[in-house]
mmCIF file of all heavy atoms, coordinates in Angstrom:
data_MODEL
# 
_entry.id   MODEL 
# 
loop_
_atom_site.group_PDB 
_atom_site.id 
_atom_site.type_symbol 
_atom_site.label_atom_id 
_atom_site.label_alt_id 
_atom_site.label_comp_id 
_atom_site.label_asym_id 
_atom_site.label_entity_id 
_atom_site.label_seq_id 
_atom_site.pdbx_PDB_ins_code 
_atom_site.Cartn_x 
_atom_site.Cartn_y 
_atom_site.Cartn_z 
_atom_site.occupancy 
_atom_site.B_iso_or_equiv 
_atom_site.pdbx_formal_charge 
_atom_site.auth_seq_id 
_atom_site.auth_comp_id 
_atom_site.auth_asym_id 
_atom_site.auth_atom_id 
_atom_site.pdbx_PDB_model_num 
ATOM 1   N N   . PHE A 1 1  ? -120.122 -78.712 70.561 1.00 0.00 ? 1  PHE A N   1 
ATOM 2   C CA  . PHE A 1 1  ? -120.081 -78.419 69.126 1.00 0.00 ? 1  PHE A CA  1 
ATOM 3   C C   . PHE A 1 1  ? -121.154 -79.248 68.419 1.00 0.00 ? 1  PHE A C   1 
ATOM 4   O O   . PHE A 1 1  ? -120.960 -80.444 68.170 1.00 0.00 ? 1  PHE A O   1 
ATOM 5   C CB  . PHE A 1 1  ? -118.707 -78.761 68.550 1.00 0.00 ? 1  PHE A CB  1 
ATOM 6   C CG  . PHE A 1 1  ? -117.599 -77.851 68.982 1.00 0.00 ? 1  PHE A CG  1 
ATOM 7   C CD1 . PHE A 1 1  ? -116.957 -78.051 70.199 1.00 0.00 ? 1  PHE A CD1 1 
ATOM 8   C CD2 . PHE A 1 1  ? -117.184 -76.795 68.178 1.00 0.00 ? 1  PHE A CD2 1 
ATOM 9   C CE1 . PHE A 1 1  ? -115.930 -77.218 70.611 1.00 0.00 ? 1  PHE A CE1 1 
ATOM 10  C CE2 . PHE A 1 1  ? -116.153 -75.951 68.582 1.00 0.00 ? 1  PHE A CE2 1 
ATOM 11  C CZ  . PHE A 1 1  ? -115.521 -76.163 69.803 1.00 0.00 ? 1  PHE A CZ  1 
ATOM 12  N N   . PRO A 1 2  ? -122.322 -78.649 68.094 1.00 0.00 ? 2  PRO A N   1 
ATOM 13  C CA  . PRO A 1 2  ? -123.353 -79.386 67.354 1.00 0.00 ? 2  PRO A CA  1 
ATOM 14  C C   . PRO A 1 2  ? -122.912 -79.579 65.898 1.00 0.00 ? 2  PRO A C   1 
ATOM 15  O O   . PRO A 1 2  ? -122.673 -78.612 65.179 1.00 0.00 ? 2  PRO A O   1 
ATOM 16  C CB  . PRO A 1 2  ? -124.579 -78.475 67.446 1.00 0.00 ? 2  PRO A CB  1 
ATOM 17  C CG  . PRO A 1 2  ? -124.269 -77.499 68.545 1.00 0.00 ? 2  PRO A CG  1 
ATOM 18  C CD  . PRO A 1 2  ? -122.792 -77.322 68.492 1.00 0.00 ? 2  PRO A CD  1 
ATOM 19  N N   . MET A 1 3  ? -122.816 -80.829 65.477 1.00 0.00 ? 3  MET A N   1 
ATOM 20  C CA  . MET A 1 3  ? -122.257 -81.126 64.166 1.00 0.00 ? 3  MET A CA  1 
ATOM 21  C C   . MET A 1 3  ? -123.327 -81.612 63.192 1.00 0.00 ? 3  MET A C   1 
ATOM 22  O O   . MET A 1 3  ? -124.334 -82.201 63.592 1.00 0.00 ? 3  MET A O   1 
ATOM 23  C CB  . MET A 1 3  ? -121.178 -82.207 64.299 1.00 0.00 ? 3  MET A CB  1 
ATOM 24  C CG  . MET A 1 3  ? -120.045 -81.858 65.264 1.00 0.00 ? 3  MET A CG  1 
ATOM 25  S SD  . MET A 1 3  ? -119.127 -80.374 64.790 1.00 0.00 ? 3  MET A SD  1 
ATOM 26  C CE  . MET A 1 3  ? -118.390 -80.922 63.246 1.00 0.00 ? 3  MET A CE  1 
ATOM 27  N N   . LEU A 1 4  ? -123.071 -81.359 61.903 1.00 0.00 ? 4  LEU A N   1 
ATOM 28  C CA  . LEU A 1 4  ? -123.800 -81.995 60.816 1.00 0.00 ? 4  LEU A CA  1 
ATOM 29  C C   . LEU A 1 4  ? -122.804 -82.862 60.073 1.00 0.00 ? 4  LEU A C   1 
ATOM 30  O O   . LEU A 1 4  ? -121.640 -82.484 59.898 1.00 0.00 ? 4  LEU A O   1 
ATOM 31  C CB  . LEU A 1 4  ? -124.413 -80.960 59.875 1.00 0.00 ? 4  LEU A CB  1 
ATOM 32  C CG  . LEU A 1 4  ? -125.521 -80.076 60.476 1.00 0.00 ? 4  LEU A CG  1 
ATOM 33  C CD1 . LEU A 1 4  ? -126.086 -79.159 59.405 1.00 0.00 ? 4  LEU A CD1 1 
ATOM 34  C CD2 . LEU A 1 4  ? -126.637 -80.914 61.077 1.00 0.00 ? 4  LEU A CD2 1 
ATOM 35  N N   . HIS A 1 5  ? -123.246 -84.028 59.625 1.00 0.00 ? 5  HIS A N   1 
ATOM 36  C CA  . HIS A 1 5  ? -122.323 -84.978 59.003 1.00 0.00 ? 5  HIS A CA  1 
ATOM 37  C C   . HIS A 1 5  ? -121.860 -84.540 57.626 1.00 0.00 ? 5  HIS A C   1 
ATOM 38  O O   . HIS A 1 5  ? -120.887 -85.078 57.095 1.00 0.00 ? 5  HIS A O   1 
ATOM 39  C CB  . HIS A 1 5  ? -122.975 -86.353 58.917 1.00 0.00 ? 5  HIS A CB  1 
ATOM 40  C CG  . HIS A 1 5  ? -123.178 -86.998 60.250 1.00 0.00 ? 5  HIS A CG  1 
ATOM 41  N ND1 . HIS A 1 5  ? -122.137 -87.304 61.093 1.00 0.00 ? 5  HIS A ND1 1 
ATOM 42  C CD2 . HIS A 1 5  ? -124.302 -87.391 60.899 1.00 0.00 ? 5  HIS A CD2 1 
ATOM 43  C CE1 . HIS A 1 5  ? -122.593 -87.862 62.191 1.00 0.00 ? 5  HIS A CE1 1 
ATOM 44  N NE2 . HIS A 1 5  ? -123.910 -87.923 62.109 1.00 0.00 ? 5  HIS A NE2 1 
ATOM 45  N N   . VAL A 1 6  ? -122.554 -83.557 57.039 1.00 0.00 ? 6  VAL A N   1 
ATOM 46  C CA  . VAL A 1 6  ? -122.146 -82.967 55.769 1.00 0.00 ? 6  VAL A CA  1 
ATOM 47  C C   . VAL A 1 6  ? -122.219 -81.453 55.922 1.00 0.00 ? 6  VAL A C   1 
ATOM 48  O O   . VAL A 1 6  ? -123.206 -80.926 56.439 1.00 0.00 ? 6  VAL A O   1 
ATOM 49  C CB  . VAL A 1 6  ? -123.067 -83.425 54.611 1.00 0.00 ? 6  VAL A CB  1 
ATOM 50  C CG1 . VAL A 1 6  ? -122.694 -82.713 53.318 1.00 0.00 ? 6  VAL A CG1 1 
ATOM 51  C CG2 . VAL A 1 6  ? -122.990 -84.932 54.427 1.00 0.00 ? 6  VAL A CG2 1 
ATOM 52  N N   . ALA A 1 7  ? -121.168 -80.751 55.485 1.00 0.00 ? 7  ALA A N   1 
ATOM 53  C CA  . ALA A 1 7  ? -121.128 -79.296 55.628 1.00 0.00 ? 7  ALA A CA  1 
ATOM 54  C C   . ALA A 1 7  ? -120.096 -78.734 54.672 1.00 0.00 ? 7  ALA A C   1 
ATOM 55  O O   . ALA A 1 7  ? -119.406 -79.470 53.949 1.00 0.00 ? 7  ALA A O   1 
ATOM 56  C CB  . ALA A 1 7  ? -120.800 -78.906 57.070 1.00 0.00 ? 7  ALA A CB  1 
ATOM 57  N N   . SER A 1 8  ? -119.959 -77.409 54.673 1.00 0.00 ? 8  SER A N   1 
ATOM 58  C CA  . SER A 1 8  ? -118.919 -76.788 53.860 1.00 0.00 ? 8  SER A CA  1 
ATOM 59  C C   . SER A 1 8  ? -117.557 -77.020 54.513 1.00 0.00 ? 8  SER A C   1 
ATOM 60  O O   . SER A 1 8  ? -117.457 -77.161 55.743 1.00 0.00 ? 8  SER A O   1 
ATOM 61  C CB  . SER A 1 8  ? -119.179 -75.283 53.744 1.00 0.00 ? 8  SER A CB  1 
ATOM 62  O OG  . SER A 1 8  ? -119.039 -74.666 55.017 1.00 0.00 ? 8  SER A OG  1 
ATOM 63  N N   . PRO A 1 9  ? -116.482 -77.076 53.735 1.00 0.00 ? 9  PRO A N   1 
ATOM 64  C CA  . PRO A 1 9  ? -115.146 -77.251 54.313 1.00 0.00 ? 9  PRO A CA  1 
ATOM 65  C C   . PRO A 1 9  ? -114.796 -76.193 55.346 1.00 0.00 ? 9  PRO A C   1 
ATOM 66  O O   . PRO A 1 9  ? -114.107 -76.487 56.329 1.00 0.00 ? 9  PRO A O   1 
ATOM 67  C CB  . PRO A 1 9  ? -114.225 -77.166 53.086 1.00 0.00 ? 9  PRO A CB  1 
ATOM 68  C CG  . PRO A 1 9  ? -115.084 -77.571 51.925 1.00 0.00 ? 9  PRO A CG  1 
ATOM 69  C CD  . PRO A 1 9  ? -116.456 -77.059 52.258 1.00 0.00 ? 9  PRO A CD  1 
ATOM 70  N N   . SER A 1 10 ? -115.285 -74.969 55.153 1.00 0.00 ? 10 SER A N   1 
ATOM 71  C CA  . SER A 1 10 ? -114.945 -73.891 56.084 1.00 0.00 ? 10 SER A CA  1 
ATOM 72  C C   . SER A 1 10 ? -115.519 -74.152 57.477 1.00 0.00 ? 10 SER A C   1 
ATOM 73  O O   . SER A 1 10 ? -114.929 -73.741 58.483 1.00 0.00 ? 10 SER A O   1 
ATOM 74  C CB  . SER A 1 10 ? -115.445 -72.542 55.556 1.00 0.00 ? 10 SER A CB  1 
ATOM 75  O OG  . SER A 1 10 ? -116.861 -72.541 55.443 1.00 0.00 ? 10 SER A OG  1 
ATOM 76  N N   . PHE A 1 11 ? -116.677 -74.837 57.552 1.00 0.00 ? 11 PHE A N   1 
ATOM 77  C CA  . PHE A 1 11 ? -117.248 -75.140 58.863 1.00 0.00 ? 11 PHE A CA  1 
ATOM 78  C C   . PHE A 1 11 ? -116.329 -76.065 59.644 1.00 0.00 ? 11 PHE A C   1 
ATOM 79  O O   . PHE A 1 11 ? -116.018 -75.818 60.809 1.00 0.00 ? 11 PHE A O   1 
ATOM 80  C CB  . PHE A 1 11 ? -118.627 -75.786 58.692 1.00 0.00 ? 11 PHE A CB  1 
ATOM 81  C CG  . PHE A 1 11 ? -119.223 -76.313 59.963 1.00 0.00 ? 11 PHE A CG  1 
ATOM 82  C CD1 . PHE A 1 11 ? -119.595 -75.452 60.985 1.00 0.00 ? 11 PHE A CD1 1 
ATOM 83  C CD2 . PHE A 1 11 ? -119.412 -77.680 60.154 1.00 0.00 ? 11 PHE A CD2 1 
ATOM 84  C CE1 . PHE A 1 11 ? -120.137 -75.932 62.170 1.00 0.00 ? 11 PHE A CE1 1 
ATOM 85  C CE2 . PHE A 1 11 ? -119.962 -78.163 61.324 1.00 0.00 ? 11 PHE A CE2 1 
ATOM 86  C CZ  . PHE A 1 11 ? -120.327 -77.291 62.333 1.00 0.00 ? 11 PHE A CZ  1 
ATOM 87  N N   . TYR A 1 12 ? -115.867 -77.134 59.011 1.00 0.00 ? 12 TYR A N   1 
ATOM 88  C CA  . TYR A 1 12 ? -114.976 -78.057 59.703 1.00 0.00 ? 12 TYR A CA  1 
ATOM 89  C C   . TYR A 1 12 ? -113.651 -77.390 60.062 1.00 0.00 ? 12 TYR A C   1 
ATOM 90  O O   . TYR A 1 12 ? -113.060 -77.684 61.102 1.00 0.00 ? 12 TYR A O   1 
ATOM 91  C CB  . TYR A 1 12 ? -114.745 -79.303 58.852 1.00 0.00 ? 12 TYR A CB  1 
ATOM 92  C CG  . TYR A 1 12 ? -116.009 -80.093 58.613 1.00 0.00 ? 12 TYR A CG  1 
ATOM 93  C CD1 . TYR A 1 12 ? -116.394 -80.465 57.340 1.00 0.00 ? 12 TYR A CD1 1 
ATOM 94  C CD2 . TYR A 1 12 ? -116.830 -80.460 59.671 1.00 0.00 ? 12 TYR A CD2 1 
ATOM 95  C CE1 . TYR A 1 12 ? -117.558 -81.183 57.117 1.00 0.00 ? 12 TYR A CE1 1 
ATOM 96  C CE2 . TYR A 1 12 ? -117.999 -81.176 59.463 1.00 0.00 ? 12 TYR A CE2 1 
ATOM 97  C CZ  . TYR A 1 12 ? -118.360 -81.533 58.190 1.00 0.00 ? 12 TYR A CZ  1 
ATOM 98  O OH  . TYR A 1 12 ? -119.520 -82.236 57.979 1.00 0.00 ? 12 TYR A OH  1 
ATOM 99  N N   . SER A 1 13 ? -113.205 -76.461 59.222 1.00 0.00 ? 13 SER A N   1 
ATOM 100 C CA  . SER A 1 13 ? -111.983 -75.729 59.523 1.00 0.00 ? 13 SER A CA  1 
ATOM 101 C C   . SER A 1 13 ? -112.163 -74.855 60.758 1.00 0.00 ? 13 SER A C   1 
ATOM 102 O O   . SER A 1 13 ? -111.276 -74.777 61.622 1.00 0.00 ? 13 SER A O   1 
ATOM 103 C CB  . SER A 1 13 ? -111.591 -74.864 58.322 1.00 0.00 ? 13 SER A CB  1 
ATOM 104 O OG  . SER A 1 13 ? -110.457 -74.084 58.607 1.00 0.00 ? 13 SER A OG  1 
ATOM 105 N N   . GLN A 1 14 ? -113.327 -74.198 60.871 1.00 0.00 ? 14 GLN A N   1 
ATOM 106 C CA  . GLN A 1 14 ? -113.608 -73.369 62.049 1.00 0.00 ? 14 GLN A CA  1 
ATOM 107 C C   . GLN A 1 14 ? -113.670 -74.213 63.323 1.00 0.00 ? 14 GLN A C   1 
ATOM 108 O O   . GLN A 1 14 ? -113.166 -73.805 64.375 1.00 0.00 ? 14 GLN A O   1 
ATOM 109 C CB  . GLN A 1 14 ? -114.936 -72.639 61.854 1.00 0.00 ? 14 GLN A CB  1 
ATOM 110 C CG  . GLN A 1 14 ? -114.928 -71.572 60.787 1.00 0.00 ? 14 GLN A CG  1 
ATOM 111 C CD  . GLN A 1 14 ? -116.298 -70.934 60.639 1.00 0.00 ? 14 GLN A CD  1 
ATOM 112 O OE1 . GLN A 1 14 ? -116.684 -70.057 61.412 1.00 0.00 ? 14 GLN A OE1 1 
ATOM 113 N NE2 . GLN A 1 14 ? -117.054 -71.391 59.657 1.00 0.00 ? 14 GLN A NE2 1 
ATOM 114 N N   . VAL A 1 15 ? -114.293 -75.387 63.223 1.00 0.00 ? 15 VAL A N   1 
ATOM 115 C CA  . VAL A 1 15 ? -114.372 -76.263 64.392 1.00 0.00 ? 15 VAL A CA  1 
ATOM 116 C C   . VAL A 1 15 ? -112.975 -76.712 64.803 1.00 0.00 ? 15 VAL A C   1 
ATOM 117 O O   . VAL A 1 15 ? -112.615 -76.671 65.983 1.00 0.00 ? 15 VAL A O   1 
ATOM 118 C CB  . VAL A 1 15 ? -115.267 -77.483 64.093 1.00 0.00 ? 15 VAL A CB  1 
ATOM 119 C CG1 . VAL A 1 15 ? -115.198 -78.490 65.238 1.00 0.00 ? 15 VAL A CG1 1 
ATOM 120 C CG2 . VAL A 1 15 ? -116.711 -77.041 63.872 1.00 0.00 ? 15 VAL A CG2 1 
ATOM 121 N N   . ARG A 1 16 ? -112.167 -77.120 63.847 1.00 0.00 ? 16 ARG A N   1 
ATOM 122 C CA  . ARG A 1 16 ? -110.811 -77.579 64.140 1.00 0.00 ? 16 ARG A CA  1 
ATOM 123 C C   . ARG A 1 16 ? -110.003 -76.489 64.840 1.00 0.00 ? 16 ARG A C   1 
ATOM 124 O O   . ARG A 1 16 ? -109.288 -76.761 65.815 1.00 0.00 ? 16 ARG A O   1 
ATOM 125 C CB  . ARG A 1 16 ? -110.119 -78.002 62.846 1.00 0.00 ? 16 ARG A CB  1 
ATOM 126 C CG  . ARG A 1 16 ? -108.717 -78.581 63.042 1.00 0.00 ? 16 ARG A CG  1 
ATOM 127 C CD  . ARG A 1 16 ? -108.082 -78.906 61.692 1.00 0.00 ? 16 ARG A CD  1 
ATOM 128 N NE  . ARG A 1 16 ? -106.737 -79.433 61.839 1.00 0.00 ? 16 ARG A NE  1 
ATOM 129 C CZ  . ARG A 1 16 ? -106.445 -80.724 61.909 1.00 0.00 ? 16 ARG A CZ  1 
ATOM 130 N NH1 . ARG A 1 16 ? -107.410 -81.618 61.840 1.00 0.00 ? 16 ARG A NH1 1 
ATOM 131 N NH2 . ARG A 1 16 ? -105.198 -81.125 62.038 1.00 0.00 ? 16 ARG A NH2 1 
ATOM 132 N N   . THR A 1 17 ? -110.119 -75.258 64.363 1.00 0.00 ? 17 THR A N   1 
ATOM 133 C CA  . THR A 1 17 ? -109.398 -74.142 64.979 1.00 0.00 ? 17 THR A CA  1 
ATOM 134 C C   . THR A 1 17 ? -109.781 -73.987 66.446 1.00 0.00 ? 17 THR A C   1 
ATOM 135 O O   . THR A 1 17 ? -108.918 -73.786 67.313 1.00 0.00 ? 17 THR A O   1 
ATOM 136 C CB  . THR A 1 17 ? -109.687 -72.836 64.221 1.00 0.00 ? 17 THR A CB  1 
ATOM 137 O OG1 . THR A 1 17 ? -109.193 -72.957 62.880 1.00 0.00 ? 17 THR A OG1 1 
ATOM 138 C CG2 . THR A 1 17 ? -109.036 -71.644 64.901 1.00 0.00 ? 17 THR A CG2 1 
ATOM 139 N N   . ARG A 1 18 ? -111.057 -74.106 66.748 1.00 0.00 ? 18 ARG A N   1 
ATOM 140 C CA  . ARG A 1 18 ? -111.518 -73.942 68.136 1.00 0.00 ? 18 ARG A CA  1 
ATOM 141 C C   . ARG A 1 18 ? -111.156 -75.147 69.008 1.00 0.00 ? 18 ARG A C   1 
ATOM 142 O O   . ARG A 1 18 ? -110.945 -75.001 70.208 1.00 0.00 ? 18 ARG A O   1 
ATOM 143 C CB  . ARG A 1 18 ? -113.024 -73.682 68.141 1.00 0.00 ? 18 ARG A CB  1 
ATOM 144 C CG  . ARG A 1 18 ? -113.336 -72.242 67.712 1.00 0.00 ? 18 ARG A CG  1 
ATOM 145 C CD  . ARG A 1 18 ? -114.727 -72.092 67.122 1.00 0.00 ? 18 ARG A CD  1 
ATOM 146 N NE  . ARG A 1 18 ? -114.956 -70.703 66.721 1.00 0.00 ? 18 ARG A NE  1 
ATOM 147 C CZ  . ARG A 1 18 ? -114.465 -70.175 65.580 1.00 0.00 ? 18 ARG A CZ  1 
ATOM 148 N NH1 . ARG A 1 18 ? -113.743 -70.917 64.759 1.00 0.00 ? 18 ARG A NH1 1 
ATOM 149 N NH2 . ARG A 1 18 ? -114.702 -68.901 65.289 1.00 0.00 ? 18 ARG A NH2 1 
ATOM 150 N N   . LEU A 1 19 ? -111.069 -76.321 68.409 1.00 0.00 ? 19 LEU A N   1 
ATOM 151 C CA  . LEU A 1 19 ? -110.676 -77.504 69.184 1.00 0.00 ? 19 LEU A CA  1 
ATOM 152 C C   . LEU A 1 19 ? -109.222 -77.407 69.644 1.00 0.00 ? 19 LEU A C   1 
ATOM 153 O O   . LEU A 1 19 ? -108.852 -78.000 70.660 1.00 0.00 ? 19 LEU A O   1 
ATOM 154 C CB  . LEU A 1 19 ? -110.887 -78.771 68.362 1.00 0.00 ? 19 LEU A CB  1 
ATOM 155 C CG  . LEU A 1 19 ? -112.344 -79.152 68.070 1.00 0.00 ? 19 LEU A CG  1 
ATOM 156 C CD1 . LEU A 1 19 ? -112.400 -80.446 67.262 1.00 0.00 ? 19 LEU A CD1 1 
ATOM 157 C CD2 . LEU A 1 19 ? -113.152 -79.288 69.348 1.00 0.00 ? 19 LEU A CD2 1 
ATOM 158 N N   . ARG A 1 20 ? -108.404 -76.657 68.922 1.00 0.00 ? 20 ARG A N   1 
ATOM 159 C CA  . ARG A 1 20 ? -107.013 -76.472 69.345 1.00 0.00 ? 20 ARG A CA  1 
ATOM 160 C C   . ARG A 1 20 ? -106.928 -75.764 70.698 1.00 0.00 ? 20 ARG A C   1 
ATOM 161 O O   . ARG A 1 20 ? -105.927 -75.875 71.404 1.00 0.00 ? 20 ARG A O   1 
ATOM 162 C CB  . ARG A 1 20 ? -106.243 -75.658 68.298 1.00 0.00 ? 20 ARG A CB  1 
ATOM 163 C CG  . ARG A 1 20 ? -105.997 -76.382 66.986 1.00 0.00 ? 20 ARG A CG  1 
ATOM 164 C CD  . ARG A 1 20 ? -104.931 -75.666 66.172 1.00 0.00 ? 20 ARG A CD  1 
ATOM 165 N NE  . ARG A 1 20 ? -104.799 -76.258 64.841 1.00 0.00 ? 20 ARG A NE  1 
ATOM 166 C CZ  . ARG A 1 20 ? -105.289 -75.728 63.728 1.00 0.00 ? 20 ARG A CZ  1 
ATOM 167 N NH1 . ARG A 1 20 ? -105.956 -74.580 63.794 1.00 0.00 ? 20 ARG A NH1 1 
ATOM 168 N NH2 . ARG A 1 20 ? -105.118 -76.332 62.568 1.00 0.00 ? 20 ARG A NH2 1 
ATOM 169 N N   . GLU A 1 21 ? -107.977 -75.006 71.023 1.00 0.00 ? 21 GLU A N   1 
ATOM 170 C CA  . GLU A 1 21 ? -107.992 -74.253 72.279 1.00 0.00 ? 21 GLU A CA  1 
ATOM 171 C C   . GLU A 1 21 ? -108.523 -75.080 73.442 1.00 0.00 ? 21 GLU A C   1 
ATOM 172 O O   . GLU A 1 21 ? -108.604 -74.589 74.568 1.00 0.00 ? 21 GLU A O   1 
ATOM 173 C CB  . GLU A 1 21 ? -108.848 -72.991 72.106 1.00 0.00 ? 21 GLU A CB  1 
ATOM 174 C CG  . GLU A 1 21 ? -108.372 -72.074 70.979 1.00 0.00 ? 21 GLU A CG  1 
ATOM 175 C CD  . GLU A 1 21 ? -109.357 -70.957 70.680 1.00 0.00 ? 21 GLU A CD  1 
ATOM 176 O OE1 . GLU A 1 21 ? -110.446 -70.947 71.309 1.00 0.00 ? 21 GLU A OE1 1 
ATOM 177 O OE2 . GLU A 1 21 ? -109.050 -70.101 69.836 1.00 0.00 ? 21 GLU A OE2 1 
ATOM 178 N N   . CYS A 1 22 ? -108.902 -76.329 73.179 1.00 0.00 ? 22 CYS A N   1 
ATOM 179 C CA  . CYS A 1 22 ? -109.469 -77.192 74.217 1.00 0.00 ? 22 CYS A CA  1 
ATOM 180 C C   . CYS A 1 22 ? -108.405 -78.156 74.752 1.00 0.00 ? 22 CYS A C   1 
ATOM 181 O O   . CYS A 1 22 ? -107.388 -78.416 74.103 1.00 0.00 ? 22 CYS A O   1 
ATOM 182 C CB  . CYS A 1 22 ? -110.661 -77.969 73.661 1.00 0.00 ? 22 CYS A CB  1 
ATOM 183 S SG  . CYS A 1 22 ? -112.049 -76.903 73.161 1.00 0.00 ? 22 CYS A SG  1 
ATOM 184 N N   . ASP A 1 23 ? -108.653 -78.679 75.943 1.00 0.00 ? 23 ASP A N   1 
ATOM 185 C CA  . ASP A 1 23 ? -107.701 -79.567 76.605 1.00 0.00 ? 23 ASP A CA  1 
ATOM 186 C C   . ASP A 1 23 ? -108.056 -81.037 76.430 1.00 0.00 ? 23 ASP A C   1 
ATOM 187 O O   . ASP A 1 23 ? -107.219 -81.914 76.669 1.00 0.00 ? 23 ASP A O   1 
ATOM 188 C CB  . ASP A 1 23 ? -107.651 -79.230 78.104 1.00 0.00 ? 23 ASP A CB  1 
ATOM 189 C CG  . ASP A 1 23 ? -107.263 -77.782 78.351 1.00 0.00 ? 23 ASP A CG  1 
ATOM 190 O OD1 . ASP A 1 23 ? -106.066 -77.469 78.251 1.00 0.00 ? 23 ASP A OD1 1 
ATOM 191 O OD2 . ASP A 1 23 ? -108.173 -76.957 78.627 1.00 0.00 ? 23 ASP A OD2 1 
ATOM 192 N N   . LEU A 1 24 ? -109.295 -81.312 76.035 1.00 0.00 ? 24 LEU A N   1 
ATOM 193 C CA  . LEU A 1 24 ? -109.761 -82.683 75.839 1.00 0.00 ? 24 LEU A CA  1 
ATOM 194 C C   . LEU A 1 24 ? -110.931 -82.637 74.873 1.00 0.00 ? 24 LEU A C   1 
ATOM 195 O O   . LEU A 1 24 ? -111.761 -81.726 74.941 1.00 0.00 ? 24 LEU A O   1 
ATOM 196 C CB  . LEU A 1 24 ? -110.199 -83.290 77.178 1.00 0.00 ? 24 LEU A CB  1 
ATOM 197 C CG  . LEU A 1 24 ? -110.794 -84.705 77.157 1.00 0.00 ? 24 LEU A CG  1 
ATOM 198 C CD1 . LEU A 1 24 ? -109.737 -85.726 76.732 1.00 0.00 ? 24 LEU A CD1 1 
ATOM 199 C CD2 . LEU A 1 24 ? -111.349 -85.067 78.538 1.00 0.00 ? 24 LEU A CD2 1 
ATOM 200 N N   . VAL A 1 25 ? -110.995 -83.617 73.979 1.00 0.00 ? 25 VAL A N   1 
ATOM 201 C CA  . VAL A 1 25 ? -112.103 -83.692 73.021 1.00 0.00 ? 25 VAL A CA  1 
ATOM 202 C C   . VAL A 1 25 ? -112.835 -85.010 73.223 1.00 0.00 ? 25 VAL A C   1 
ATOM 203 O O   . VAL A 1 25 ? -112.225 -86.082 73.209 1.00 0.00 ? 25 VAL A O   1 
ATOM 204 C CB  . VAL A 1 25 ? -111.599 -83.596 71.567 1.00 0.00 ? 25 VAL A CB  1 
ATOM 205 C CG1 . VAL A 1 25 ? -112.769 -83.759 70.588 1.00 0.00 ? 25 VAL A CG1 1 
ATOM 206 C CG2 . VAL A 1 25 ? -110.891 -82.267 71.327 1.00 0.00 ? 25 VAL A CG2 1 
ATOM 207 N N   . VAL A 1 26 ? -114.146 -84.920 73.410 1.00 0.00 ? 26 VAL A N   1 
ATOM 208 C CA  . VAL A 1 26 ? -115.013 -86.094 73.494 1.00 0.00 ? 26 VAL A CA  1 
ATOM 209 C C   . VAL A 1 26 ? -115.761 -86.161 72.167 1.00 0.00 ? 26 VAL A C   1 
ATOM 210 O O   . VAL A 1 26 ? -116.534 -85.264 71.839 1.00 0.00 ? 26 VAL A O   1 
ATOM 211 C CB  . VAL A 1 26 ? -115.997 -85.998 74.671 1.00 0.00 ? 26 VAL A CB  1 
ATOM 212 C CG1 . VAL A 1 26 ? -116.825 -87.275 74.775 1.00 0.00 ? 26 VAL A CG1 1 
ATOM 213 C CG2 . VAL A 1 26 ? -115.249 -85.733 75.970 1.00 0.00 ? 26 VAL A CG2 1 
ATOM 214 N N   . VAL A 1 27 ? -115.512 -87.219 71.390 1.00 0.00 ? 27 VAL A N   1 
ATOM 215 C CA  . VAL A 1 27 ? -115.987 -87.237 70.013 1.00 0.00 ? 27 VAL A CA  1 
ATOM 216 C C   . VAL A 1 27 ? -116.950 -88.399 69.765 1.00 0.00 ? 27 VAL A C   1 
ATOM 217 O O   . VAL A 1 27 ? -116.808 -89.481 70.337 1.00 0.00 ? 27 VAL A O   1 
ATOM 218 C CB  . VAL A 1 27 ? -114.785 -87.298 69.045 1.00 0.00 ? 27 VAL A CB  1 
ATOM 219 C CG1 . VAL A 1 27 ? -114.052 -88.629 69.161 1.00 0.00 ? 27 VAL A CG1 1 
ATOM 220 C CG2 . VAL A 1 27 ? -115.207 -87.059 67.606 1.00 0.00 ? 27 VAL A CG2 1 
ATOM 221 N N   . GLU A 1 28 ? -117.912 -88.133 68.907 1.00 0.00 ? 28 GLU A N   1 
ATOM 222 C CA  . GLU A 1 28 ? -118.883 -89.138 68.473 1.00 0.00 ? 28 GLU A CA  1 
ATOM 223 C C   . GLU A 1 28 ? -118.251 -90.059 67.432 1.00 0.00 ? 28 GLU A C   1 
ATOM 224 O O   . GLU A 1 28 ? -117.366 -89.661 66.678 1.00 0.00 ? 28 GLU A O   1 
ATOM 225 C CB  . GLU A 1 28 ? -120.085 -88.428 67.850 1.00 0.00 ? 28 GLU A CB  1 
ATOM 226 C CG  . GLU A 1 28 ? -121.126 -89.333 67.229 1.00 0.00 ? 28 GLU A CG  1 
ATOM 227 C CD  . GLU A 1 28 ? -122.215 -88.542 66.510 1.00 0.00 ? 28 GLU A CD  1 
ATOM 228 O OE1 . GLU A 1 28 ? -121.970 -87.373 66.146 1.00 0.00 ? 28 GLU A OE1 1 
ATOM 229 O OE2 . GLU A 1 28 ? -123.285 -89.106 66.302 1.00 0.00 ? 28 GLU A OE2 1 
# 
């Protein structure tokens, strides 16, 4: 997931939804 430190709220919401489908998250 290529991230920008500032974005629209909907972008972070879309990322969060897809992270629910993952088994492990490696985060910066």
